[in-house]
């Protein structure tokens, strides 16, 4: 009998690769560019446009870069969800979203 080897296939090196650009996660970049667009729309024609538009964008980018250093992925999102939830959590509180599973018996009744 001929022995057959284990069948293998090539797999990408990093299946769960992080999408980062310039050290920022994609939601952070979206926030930075949204700030740039909105402040440019509002203050683009004023005489302080460079300091207001580019200064605020640079400040947000630098603060996000250094505040998120060493933190896990999606840290800002999870921090916002934690802050927006109530601070008092009751263990015995009834679950209003729970729907009991209804099972039919042999007679076809619930």
Protein backbone atom coordinates (compact mmCIF):
# COMPACT_ATOMS: atom_id res chain seq x y z
CA UNK A 1 0.00 0.00 0.00
CA UNK A 2 1.15 3.45 -0.83
CA UNK A 3 1.16 5.96 2.01
CA UNK A 4 -0.56 9.25 1.30
CA UNK A 5 0.74 12.43 2.85
CA UNK A 6 -1.23 15.15 4.51
CA UNK A 7 -2.96 17.44 2.02
CA UNK A 8 -1.97 21.05 2.63
CA UNK A 9 -2.83 24.37 1.10
CA UNK A 10 -1.27 27.79 1.30
CA UNK A 11 -2.84 30.24 3.73
CA UNK A 12 -2.17 33.98 3.94
CA UNK A 13 0.34 34.81 6.64
CA UNK A 14 -1.98 37.12 8.56
CA UNK A 15 -5.66 36.28 8.47
CA UNK A 16 -6.60 38.89 11.04
CA UNK A 17 -4.47 41.75 9.79
CA UNK A 18 -5.04 45.14 11.31
CA UNK A 19 -6.02 47.89 8.90
CA UNK A 20 -3.81 50.79 9.88
CA UNK A 21 -2.57 53.75 7.91
CA UNK A 22 0.13 56.03 9.35
CA UNK A 23 -0.37 54.30 12.72
CA UNK A 24 -4.09 55.16 12.89
CA UNK A 25 -7.02 52.77 12.74
CA UNK A 26 -9.61 53.36 10.04
CA UNK A 27 -12.29 54.86 12.37
CA UNK A 28 -9.67 57.29 13.70
CA UNK A 29 -8.76 58.37 10.19
CA UNK A 30 -12.43 58.83 9.38
CA UNK A 31 -12.83 61.06 12.44
CA UNK A 32 -9.71 63.08 11.55
CA UNK A 33 -10.79 63.65 7.95
CA UNK A 34 -14.38 64.44 8.96
CA UNK A 35 -13.01 67.09 11.31
CA UNK A 36 -10.85 68.45 8.50
CA UNK A 37 -13.79 68.60 6.09
CA UNK A 38 -16.27 70.17 8.51
CA UNK A 39 -13.86 72.79 9.88
CA UNK A 40 -12.78 73.64 6.32
CA UNK A 41 -16.43 74.05 5.34
CA UNK A 42 -17.16 76.32 8.30
CA UNK A 43 -13.89 78.26 8.65
CA UNK A 44 -12.45 77.92 5.13
CA UNK A 45 -13.14 81.49 4.13
CA UNK A 46 -12.08 83.15 7.38
CA UNK A 47 -8.70 84.71 8.01
CA UNK A 48 -7.94 82.11 10.71
CA UNK A 49 -8.50 79.14 8.41
CA UNK A 50 -5.01 77.70 8.71
CA UNK A 51 -4.94 77.73 12.49
CA UNK A 52 -8.53 76.58 12.91
CA UNK A 53 -8.69 73.96 10.17
CA UNK A 54 -5.19 72.51 10.12
CA UNK A 55 -4.41 73.27 13.76
CA UNK A 56 -7.43 71.46 15.13
CA UNK A 57 -6.88 68.53 12.77
CA UNK A 58 -3.22 68.24 13.73
CA UNK A 59 -4.12 68.50 17.43
CA UNK A 60 -6.70 65.70 17.13
CA UNK A 61 -4.31 63.50 15.14
CA UNK A 62 -1.42 63.94 17.56
CA UNK A 63 -3.61 63.45 20.63
CA UNK A 64 -5.17 60.28 19.18
CA UNK A 65 -1.76 58.95 18.23
CA UNK A 66 -0.30 59.38 21.72
CA UNK A 67 -3.42 58.62 23.78
CA UNK A 68 -4.02 55.32 21.98
CA UNK A 69 -0.43 54.16 22.18
CA UNK A 70 -0.27 50.79 23.95
CA UNK A 71 -4.07 50.44 24.04
CA UNK A 72 -5.98 47.56 22.38
CA UNK A 73 -7.73 47.87 19.03
CA UNK A 74 -10.97 49.89 18.97
CA UNK A 75 -10.17 51.35 22.37
CA UNK A 76 -11.99 54.65 21.75
CA UNK A 77 -15.14 52.85 20.56
CA UNK A 78 -15.24 50.57 23.60
CA UNK A 79 -14.51 53.47 25.94
CA UNK A 80 -17.43 55.41 24.45
CA UNK A 81 -19.75 52.44 24.83
CA UNK A 82 -18.64 51.99 28.44
CA UNK A 83 -19.20 55.66 29.28
CA UNK A 84 -22.61 55.79 27.58
CA UNK A 85 -23.96 52.80 29.52
CA UNK A 86 -25.50 53.25 32.91
CA UNK A 87 -23.12 52.98 35.82
CA UNK A 88 -25.53 50.88 37.89
CA UNK A 89 -25.96 47.32 36.69
CA UNK A 90 -28.35 45.05 38.55
CA UNK A 91 -27.82 41.29 38.54
CA UNK A 92 -31.46 40.47 39.36
CA UNK A 93 -33.01 42.82 36.82
CA UNK A 94 -35.44 41.05 34.46
CA UNK A 95 -34.31 40.68 30.87
CA UNK A 96 -36.89 42.51 28.76
CA UNK A 97 -35.45 41.22 25.48
CA UNK A 98 -35.75 37.54 26.46
CA UNK A 99 -38.34 35.52 24.55
CA UNK A 100 -38.98 32.02 25.91
CA UNK A 101 -38.71 29.13 23.48
CA UNK A 102 -42.12 27.55 22.89
CA UNK A 103 -42.01 23.83 22.26
CA UNK A 104 -44.92 21.73 21.04
CA UNK A 105 -45.76 18.46 22.74
CA UNK A 106 -47.04 15.23 21.10
CA UNK A 107 -50.61 16.56 20.80
CA UNK A 108 -49.53 19.59 18.80
CA UNK A 109 -50.23 21.95 21.69
CA UNK A 110 -47.88 24.47 23.10
